[in-house]
Amino acid sequence: NAMKKQQETMKLYNKAGVDRKFEIILLGYDSNQRGMDNYMKESSIPFPGVKLAERDKSGLGKIGETGYLPNAVLVKPDGELVTNDRNEVMKKLRDLM
């Protein structure tokens, strides 16, 4: 189920193209950077990822955690949480297309 949701997110991201009005960022929870890099490569993740060394410094790792994978949250450019409900996140992204 998590893989299906990830594929849906990647499809939406790719469909939006370079002129999209949003950005999707992977916040990895691997134990090391190499593991995260391998995951992104093997899964063909098209969007950028926050380096593990920067994850905790960014503050994004603690925003809107849901306990589910993938953990989808929508934040404003200033980091303010809009929603951490995955269905609402996907709806808002579709609305931006």
Protein backbone atom coordinates (compact mmCIF):
# COMPACT_ATOMS: atom_id res chain seq x y z
CA ASN A 1 0.00 0.00 0.00
CA ALA A 2 2.86 2.39 0.80
CA MET A 3 4.46 1.59 -2.56
CA LYS A 4 1.17 2.37 -4.36
CA LYS A 5 0.94 5.73 -2.58
CA GLN A 6 4.56 6.50 -3.44
CA GLN A 7 3.93 5.67 -7.10
CA GLU A 8 0.85 7.92 -7.12
CA THR A 9 2.94 10.77 -5.70
CA MET A 10 5.69 10.27 -8.28
CA LYS A 11 3.16 10.13 -11.12
CA LEU A 12 1.59 13.40 -9.96
CA TYR A 13 5.01 15.04 -9.64
CA ASN A 14 6.08 13.94 -13.12
CA LYS A 15 2.75 14.96 -14.65
CA ALA A 16 3.06 18.47 -13.17
CA GLY A 17 6.38 18.94 -14.99
CA VAL A 18 8.92 21.69 -14.52
CA ASP A 19 6.30 24.44 -14.35
CA ARG A 20 4.64 22.91 -11.26
CA LYS A 21 3.48 25.23 -8.49
CA PHE A 22 4.75 22.94 -5.73
CA GLU A 23 7.80 20.94 -4.72
CA ILE A 24 7.94 17.49 -3.20
CA ILE A 25 10.91 16.64 -1.01
CA LEU A 26 11.89 13.25 0.36
CA LEU A 27 12.79 13.25 4.04
CA GLY A 28 14.54 9.91 4.39
CA TYR A 29 14.64 7.85 7.53
CA ASP A 30 17.40 5.49 6.48
CA SER A 31 20.21 4.85 8.94
CA ASN A 32 22.82 6.21 6.52
CA GLN A 33 23.06 8.42 3.45
CA ARG A 34 24.11 5.56 1.19
CA GLY A 35 20.94 3.65 2.07
CA MET A 36 18.81 6.69 1.25
CA ASP A 37 20.65 7.30 -2.02
CA ASN A 38 20.19 3.65 -3.02
CA TYR A 39 16.48 3.80 -2.14
CA MET A 40 15.98 6.92 -4.24
CA LYS A 41 17.83 5.36 -7.18
CA GLU A 42 16.14 1.95 -7.00
CA SER A 43 12.69 3.54 -6.59
CA SER A 44 13.35 6.12 -9.34
CA ILE A 45 12.40 8.97 -6.99
CA PRO A 46 12.20 12.04 -9.29
CA PHE A 47 12.14 14.71 -6.60
CA PRO A 48 14.96 15.97 -4.38
CA GLY A 49 15.79 14.55 -0.99
CA VAL A 50 17.07 16.23 2.14
CA LYS A 51 20.46 14.79 3.09
CA LEU A 52 20.28 12.82 6.32
CA ALA A 53 22.87 15.09 7.94
CA GLU A 54 20.60 18.08 7.20
CA ARG A 55 17.24 16.47 8.07
CA ASP A 56 17.21 17.32 11.76
CA LYS A 57 18.79 20.75 11.20
CA SER A 58 16.03 21.64 8.72
CA GLY A 59 13.27 21.12 11.28
CA LEU A 60 11.18 19.43 8.59
CA GLY A 61 11.69 15.99 10.10
CA LYS A 62 9.38 16.89 12.99
CA ILE A 63 6.67 18.73 11.07
CA GLY A 64 3.38 16.91 10.94
CA GLU A 65 4.62 13.38 11.56
CA THR A 66 1.77 10.94 11.05
CA GLY A 67 3.39 7.62 11.90
CA TYR A 68 2.61 6.30 8.39
CA LEU A 69 4.88 5.70 5.43
CA PRO A 70 5.00 7.55 3.24
CA ASN A 71 4.46 10.44 5.58
CA ALA A 72 2.93 13.18 3.43
CA VAL A 73 2.67 16.71 4.77
CA LEU A 74 2.06 20.02 3.04
CA VAL A 75 3.95 23.07 4.27
CA LYS A 76 4.10 26.67 3.15
CA PRO A 77 7.44 28.05 1.93
CA ASP A 78 8.09 29.42 5.43
CA GLY A 79 7.70 25.92 6.93
CA GLU A 80 4.25 26.42 8.45
CA LEU A 81 2.21 23.21 8.37
CA VAL A 82 -0.85 23.33 6.09
CA THR A 83 -1.98 19.73 6.61
CA ASN A 84 -0.59 16.31 7.46
CA ASP A 85 -3.63 14.43 6.19
CA ARG A 86 -2.34 12.50 3.15
CA ASN A 87 -5.65 12.62 1.28
CA GLU A 88 -5.85 16.39 1.78
CA VAL A 89 -2.22 16.79 0.68
CA MET A 90 -2.86 14.88 -2.55
CA LYS A 91 -6.08 16.81 -3.20
CA LYS A 92 -4.31 20.15 -2.79
CA LEU A 93 -1.49 19.04 -5.11
CA ARG A 94 -3.99 17.94 -7.75
CA ASP A 95 -5.76 21.31 -7.40
CA LEU A 96 -2.47 23.08 -8.14
CA MET A 97 -2.12 21.30 -11.47
